Amino acid sequence: MTPAPRRGGAATRERTLAKPAPSAERDETQRLLREYRTTRDPRVRERLVELNSDLVHYIARRFANRGEPLEDIEQVGFVGLIQAIERFDPSLENEFSTFATPTIAGEIRRYFRDRSWAVRVPRRLQENLIRVNGASQQLQHELGRAPSIPEIAARLGIEPDEVLAALEVSPAQHTVSLESTGSSLGEDTATLGERLGREDENLERVEAQEMLERVMSHLTPRERKILALRFVEQLPQTEVAKRLGISQMHVSRLQRAAVEHLRREFGDQAPA
């Protein structure tokens, strides 16, 4: 990462930001951008970073007081500035600061987004979850009900499986302390750390899931999902319907049809 150049005094930076860049600096920036487009000379890029450092400092301050050191935010901002320099096309005759601002701010936002997750997951899934949540809220407002997985997928132009994959990483945004006791309503006051050494009371679910995966290969993806939620996670039909965005009656029909199909194919091995 190219280190941030030495900053001048705060008053100097504020004066620079309070008025447009001097014409000489603007002309030099445009000239150097054209030169860098042709030569890719690192020395030219460093001079461009220096000329536009006040823009990075200004944008970084907008993200201050969010739990991260300002110096770290500024370093991320300089990464965005370098990306803007690499992609800028001088032949379009656009103002470079106008082009660079969303790139710098976007890189800083991604930095905060990555650090806000309790468990590290691929950025693609993080971004998909944000898109899925936004589309879900919009559709719920438009339809007056919770949208289905296919409806969200259609709105975003992606496959339903991608929507499900994004929703499945949502719990990774938060962690639970080993000192927590879970629900305060139960009689068991053991902490999570103490319970980790106990025999898992739900080991039978592992066997059930293995059996389901073996016998469900002939079912549709939705039928497999319903049976997994019902017989592995042991969710009620109302919760299954809510997760899939369909009615409970529809869940009941699909479950019944899937079980009957399995019984015809596998007899006693099928779930009851």
Protein backbone atom coordinates (compact mmCIF):
# COMPACT_ATOMS: atom_id res chain seq x y z
CA MET A 1 0.00 0.00 0.00
CA THR A 2 1.38 3.44 -0.86
CA PRO A 3 1.83 5.30 2.45
CA ALA A 4 -0.06 8.51 3.00
CA PRO A 5 2.05 11.55 2.23
CA ARG A 6 2.90 13.90 5.07
CA ARG A 7 -0.08 16.07 5.88
CA GLY A 8 0.14 19.79 6.34
CA GLY A 9 -1.53 21.67 9.16
CA ALA A 10 -5.27 21.41 9.67
CA ALA A 11 -5.80 25.07 8.90
CA THR A 12 -3.96 24.72 5.59
CA ARG A 13 -6.08 21.72 4.59
CA GLU A 14 -9.31 23.47 5.50
CA ARG A 15 -8.36 26.50 3.41
CA THR A 16 -7.59 24.20 0.49
CA LEU A 17 -10.95 22.47 0.80
CA ALA A 18 -12.87 25.69 1.27
CA LYS A 19 -12.15 26.83 -2.28
CA PRO A 20 -11.53 25.13 -5.64
CA ALA A 21 -8.05 23.80 -6.31
CA PRO A 22 -5.79 26.40 -7.92
CA SER A 23 -5.86 26.32 -11.68
CA ALA A 24 -2.15 25.42 -11.80
CA GLU A 25 -2.69 22.32 -9.63
CA ARG A 26 -5.76 21.31 -11.62
CA ASP A 27 -3.86 21.66 -14.87
CA GLU A 28 -0.93 19.71 -13.46
CA THR A 29 -3.26 16.93 -12.32
CA GLN A 30 -4.83 16.66 -15.78
CA ARG A 31 -1.41 16.68 -17.45
CA LEU A 32 -0.05 14.00 -15.13
CA LEU A 33 -3.16 11.85 -15.56
CA ARG A 34 -2.64 11.90 -19.32
CA GLU A 35 1.04 11.06 -18.84
CA TYR A 36 0.30 8.24 -16.42
CA ARG A 37 -2.31 6.79 -18.76
CA THR A 38 0.51 6.32 -21.29
CA THR A 39 3.58 5.57 -19.17
CA ARG A 40 2.29 4.01 -15.91
CA ASP A 41 5.29 5.62 -14.27
CA PRO A 42 5.12 5.09 -10.44
CA ARG A 43 6.74 8.49 -9.86
CA VAL A 44 3.92 10.17 -11.78
CA ARG A 45 1.36 8.26 -9.71
CA GLU A 46 3.01 9.34 -6.46
CA ARG A 47 2.82 12.97 -7.54
CA LEU A 48 -0.88 12.51 -8.37
CA VAL A 49 -1.46 11.03 -4.91
CA GLU A 50 0.28 14.02 -3.36
CA LEU A 51 -1.77 16.51 -5.38
CA ASN A 52 -5.06 14.85 -4.35
CA SER A 53 -4.21 13.99 -0.72
CA ASP A 54 -6.49 16.73 0.67
CA LEU A 55 -9.46 15.05 -1.01
CA VAL A 56 -8.68 11.80 0.84
CA HIS A 57 -8.29 13.59 4.19
CA TYR A 58 -11.61 15.39 3.67
CA ILE A 59 -13.55 12.22 2.82
CA ALA A 60 -11.89 10.21 5.63
CA ARG A 61 -12.97 12.78 8.24
CA ARG A 62 -16.59 12.11 7.27
CA PHE A 63 -16.09 8.57 8.61
CA ALA A 64 -14.30 9.57 11.82
CA ASN A 65 -15.61 8.63 15.31
CA ARG A 66 -16.83 5.22 14.16
CA GLY A 67 -14.43 3.18 16.26
CA GLU A 68 -11.49 3.12 13.86
CA PRO A 69 -8.38 5.35 13.96
CA LEU A 70 -8.54 8.22 11.49
CA GLU A 71 -5.07 7.31 10.21
CA ASP A 72 -6.28 3.81 9.25
CA ILE A 73 -9.32 5.25 7.49
CA GLU A 74 -7.10 7.64 5.56
CA GLN A 75 -4.80 4.81 4.46
CA VAL A 76 -7.83 2.97 3.09
CA GLY A 77 -8.87 6.19 1.38
CA PHE A 78 -5.50 6.39 -0.36
CA VAL A 79 -6.09 2.87 -1.68
CA GLY A 80 -9.30 4.18 -3.23
CA LEU A 81 -7.46 7.20 -4.64
CA ILE A 82 -4.88 4.95 -6.32
CA GLN A 83 -7.68 2.83 -7.78
CA ALA A 84 -9.26 5.99 -9.19
CA ILE A 85 -5.96 7.06 -10.72
CA GLU A 86 -5.56 3.65 -12.33
CA ARG A 87 -9.05 3.71 -13.86
CA PHE A 88 -9.43 7.37 -14.82
CA ASP A 89 -9.67 8.09 -18.54
CA PRO A 90 -8.44 11.65 -19.26
CA SER A 91 -9.86 11.52 -22.79
CA LEU A 92 -13.38 11.83 -21.36
CA GLU A 93 -12.44 15.28 -19.97
CA ASN A 94 -14.21 14.67 -16.64
CA GLU A 95 -13.11 16.38 -13.45
CA PHE A 96 -10.84 13.92 -11.63
CA SER A 97 -12.05 14.82 -8.12
CA THR A 98 -15.64 14.12 -9.18
CA PHE A 99 -14.58 10.72 -10.49
CA ALA A 100 -12.37 9.86 -7.51
CA THR A 101 -14.73 10.82 -4.67
CA PRO A 102 -17.18 7.84 -4.92
CA THR A 103 -14.24 5.45 -5.41
CA ILE A 104 -12.49 6.68 -2.25
CA ALA A 105 -15.70 6.73 -0.20
CA GLY A 106 -16.71 3.29 -1.48
CA GLU A 107 -13.39 1.75 -0.45
CA ILE A 108 -13.76 3.22 3.05
CA ARG A 109 -17.33 1.91 3.33
CA ARG A 110 -16.17 -1.57 2.33
CA TYR A 111 -13.47 -1.34 5.01
CA PHE A 112 -16.08 -0.66 7.70
CA ARG A 113 -18.37 -3.31 6.26
CA ASP A 114 -15.64 -5.95 6.40
CA ARG A 115 -14.67 -5.08 9.97
CA SER A 116 -18.27 -5.11 11.22
CA TRP A 117 -18.64 -8.86 10.61
CA ALA A 118 -17.92 -11.09 13.62
CA VAL A 119 -16.92 -13.99 11.34
CA ARG A 120 -14.97 -13.40 8.14
CA VAL A 121 -16.99 -14.32 5.05
CA PRO A 122 -16.31 -13.56 1.37
CA ARG A 123 -17.04 -9.97 0.41
CA ARG A 124 -19.28 -11.17 -2.43
CA LEU A 125 -21.64 -12.81 0.09
CA GLN A 126 -21.54 -9.74 2.35
CA GLU A 127 -22.51 -7.49 -0.55
CA ASN A 128 -25.20 -9.92 -1.72
CA LEU A 129 -26.73 -9.95 1.77
CA ILE A 130 -26.93 -6.16 1.77
CA ARG A 131 -28.59 -6.22 -1.67
CA VAL A 132 -30.98 -8.99 -0.62
CA ASN A 133 -32.00 -7.15 2.55
CA GLY A 134 -32.58 -3.95 0.60
CA ALA A 135 -34.64 -5.68 -2.09
CA SER A 136 -36.63 -7.56 0.55
CA GLN A 137 -37.57 -4.32 2.32
CA GLN A 138 -38.57 -2.67 -0.95
CA LEU A 139 -40.69 -5.63 -2.04
CA GLN A 140 -42.35 -5.93 1.35
CA HIS A 141 -43.36 -2.27 1.13
CA GLU A 142 -44.65 -2.72 -2.44
CA LEU A 143 -46.44 -6.05 -1.91
CA GLY A 144 -47.68 -5.57 1.65
CA ARG A 145 -46.24 -8.96 2.63
CA ALA A 146 -42.93 -10.75 2.96
CA PRO A 147 -41.52 -11.43 -0.52
CA SER A 148 -40.60 -14.95 -1.59
CA ILE A 149 -37.08 -16.05 -2.44
CA PRO A 150 -37.86 -16.16 -6.20
CA GLU A 151 -39.33 -12.63 -6.04
CA ILE A 152 -36.18 -11.27 -4.39
CA ALA A 153 -34.02 -13.12 -6.92
CA ALA A 154 -36.05 -11.69 -9.83
CA ARG A 155 -35.73 -8.16 -8.46
CA LEU A 156 -31.94 -8.49 -8.19
CA GLY A 157 -31.47 -10.50 -11.39
CA ILE A 158 -29.76 -13.39 -9.61
CA GLU A 159 -30.54 -17.06 -8.98
CA PRO A 160 -32.70 -18.06 -5.96
CA ASP A 161 -29.80 -20.17 -4.66
CA GLU A 162 -27.68 -17.00 -4.48
CA VAL A 163 -30.37 -15.33 -2.36
CA LEU A 164 -30.45 -18.33 0.00
CA ALA A 165 -26.64 -18.36 0.22
CA ALA A 166 -26.61 -14.68 1.17
CA LEU A 167 -29.26 -15.18 3.86
CA GLU A 168 -27.37 -18.12 5.31
CA VAL A 169 -24.32 -15.94 6.13
CA SER A 170 -26.41 -13.39 8.07
CA PRO A 171 -25.66 -14.99 11.49
CA ALA A 172 -21.94 -14.40 10.85
CA GLN A 173 -22.50 -10.71 11.56
CA HIS A 174 -22.81 -11.42 15.28
CA THR A 175 -21.19 -13.71 17.83
CA VAL A 176 -22.32 -14.99 21.22
CA SER A 177 -20.12 -14.69 24.30
CA LEU A 178 -18.90 -17.93 25.90
CA GLU A 179 -20.05 -16.42 29.19
CA SER A 180 -23.66 -16.09 28.03
CA THR A 181 -26.29 -18.44 29.40
CA GLY A 182 -28.66 -18.23 26.44
CA SER A 183 -32.31 -17.72 27.33
CA SER A 184 -32.91 -16.31 30.79
CA LEU A 185 -36.23 -18.13 31.00
CA GLY A 186 -34.84 -21.66 31.31
CA GLU A 187 -33.64 -23.38 34.46
CA ASP A 188 -30.24 -24.25 32.94
CA THR A 189 -27.89 -21.44 34.00
CA ALA A 190 -24.71 -23.01 32.59
CA THR A 191 -22.70 -20.74 30.32
CA LEU A 192 -22.17 -21.52 26.66
CA GLY A 193 -18.53 -22.33 27.42
CA GLU A 194 -19.61 -24.92 30.00
CA ARG A 195 -22.13 -26.50 27.67
CA LEU A 196 -19.58 -26.92 24.87
CA GLY A 197 -18.08 -29.92 26.69
CA ARG A 198 -21.41 -31.70 27.06
CA GLU A 199 -22.68 -34.42 24.79
CA ASP A 200 -24.71 -32.85 22.04
CA GLU A 201 -28.35 -33.74 22.59
CA ASN A 202 -29.06 -33.21 18.90
CA LEU A 203 -26.55 -35.66 17.42
CA GLU A 204 -29.48 -37.57 15.96
CA ARG A 205 -30.01 -34.62 13.62
CA VAL A 206 -26.67 -35.36 11.98
CA GLU A 207 -27.82 -38.88 11.19
CA ALA A 208 -31.17 -37.55 9.97
CA GLN A 209 -29.47 -35.07 7.67
CA GLU A 210 -27.16 -37.73 6.27
CA MET A 211 -30.12 -39.98 5.56
CA LEU A 212 -32.10 -37.16 3.96
CA GLU A 213 -29.20 -36.20 1.69
CA ARG A 214 -28.97 -39.82 0.56
CA VAL A 215 -32.62 -40.27 -0.28
CA MET A 216 -33.64 -36.78 -1.43
CA SER A 217 -31.61 -36.59 -4.63
CA HIS A 218 -34.77 -37.15 -6.72
CA LEU A 219 -36.63 -34.20 -5.19
CA THR A 220 -36.75 -30.60 -6.38
CA PRO A 221 -34.53 -28.02 -4.58
CA ARG A 222 -37.57 -26.53 -2.84
CA GLU A 223 -38.79 -29.94 -1.64
CA ARG A 224 -35.31 -30.74 -0.31
CA LYS A 225 -35.19 -27.40 1.49
CA ILE A 226 -38.58 -27.96 3.10
CA LEU A 227 -37.70 -31.45 4.33
CA ALA A 228 -34.37 -30.26 5.68
CA LEU A 229 -36.03 -27.44 7.61
CA ARG A 230 -38.79 -29.70 8.90
CA PHE A 231 -36.91 -32.90 9.77
CA VAL A 232 -33.32 -31.72 10.39
CA GLU A 233 -33.83 -28.28 11.92
CA GLN A 234 -37.23 -29.41 13.23
CA LEU A 235 -38.90 -26.10 12.47
CA PRO A 236 -42.70 -25.76 12.50
CA GLN A 237 -44.44 -25.29 9.19
CA THR A 238 -45.19 -21.66 10.02
CA GLU A 239 -41.47 -20.90 10.36
CA VAL A 240 -40.65 -22.82 7.17
CA ALA A 241 -43.29 -20.82 5.31
CA LYS A 242 -41.86 -17.58 6.65
CA ARG A 243 -38.31 -18.48 5.57
CA LEU A 244 -39.36 -19.47 2.07
CA GLY A 245 -41.88 -16.68 1.60
CA ILE A 246 -44.82 -18.98 0.86
CA SER A 247 -47.99 -19.91 2.73
CA GLN A 248 -48.14 -22.59 5.43
CA MET A 249 -50.72 -24.47 3.35
CA HIS A 250 -48.28 -24.51 0.42
CA VAL A 251 -45.56 -25.86 2.71
CA SER A 252 -47.89 -28.58 3.93
CA ARG A 253 -48.78 -29.65 0.38
CA LEU A 254 -45.15 -29.69 -0.76
CA GLN A 255 -44.05 -31.62 2.32
CA ARG A 256 -46.78 -34.20 1.89
CA ALA A 257 -45.99 -34.65 -1.81
CA ALA A 258 -42.26 -34.96 -1.12
CA VAL A 259 -42.74 -37.54 1.63
CA GLU A 260 -45.07 -39.59 -0.54
CA HIS A 261 -42.52 -39.49 -3.35
CA LEU A 262 -39.79 -40.70 -0.99
CA ARG A 263 -41.96 -43.49 0.33
CA ARG A 264 -42.60 -44.73 -3.19
CA GLU A 265 -38.87 -44.61 -3.95
CA PHE A 266 -37.36 -45.81 -0.66
CA GLY A 267 -40.11 -47.29 1.47
CA ASP A 268 -39.24 -47.37 5.17
CA GLN A 269 -36.13 -45.22 4.75
CA ALA A 270 -38.25 -42.15 4.02
CA PRO A 271 -38.97 -39.74 6.90
CA ALA A 272 -42.34 -40.10 8.57
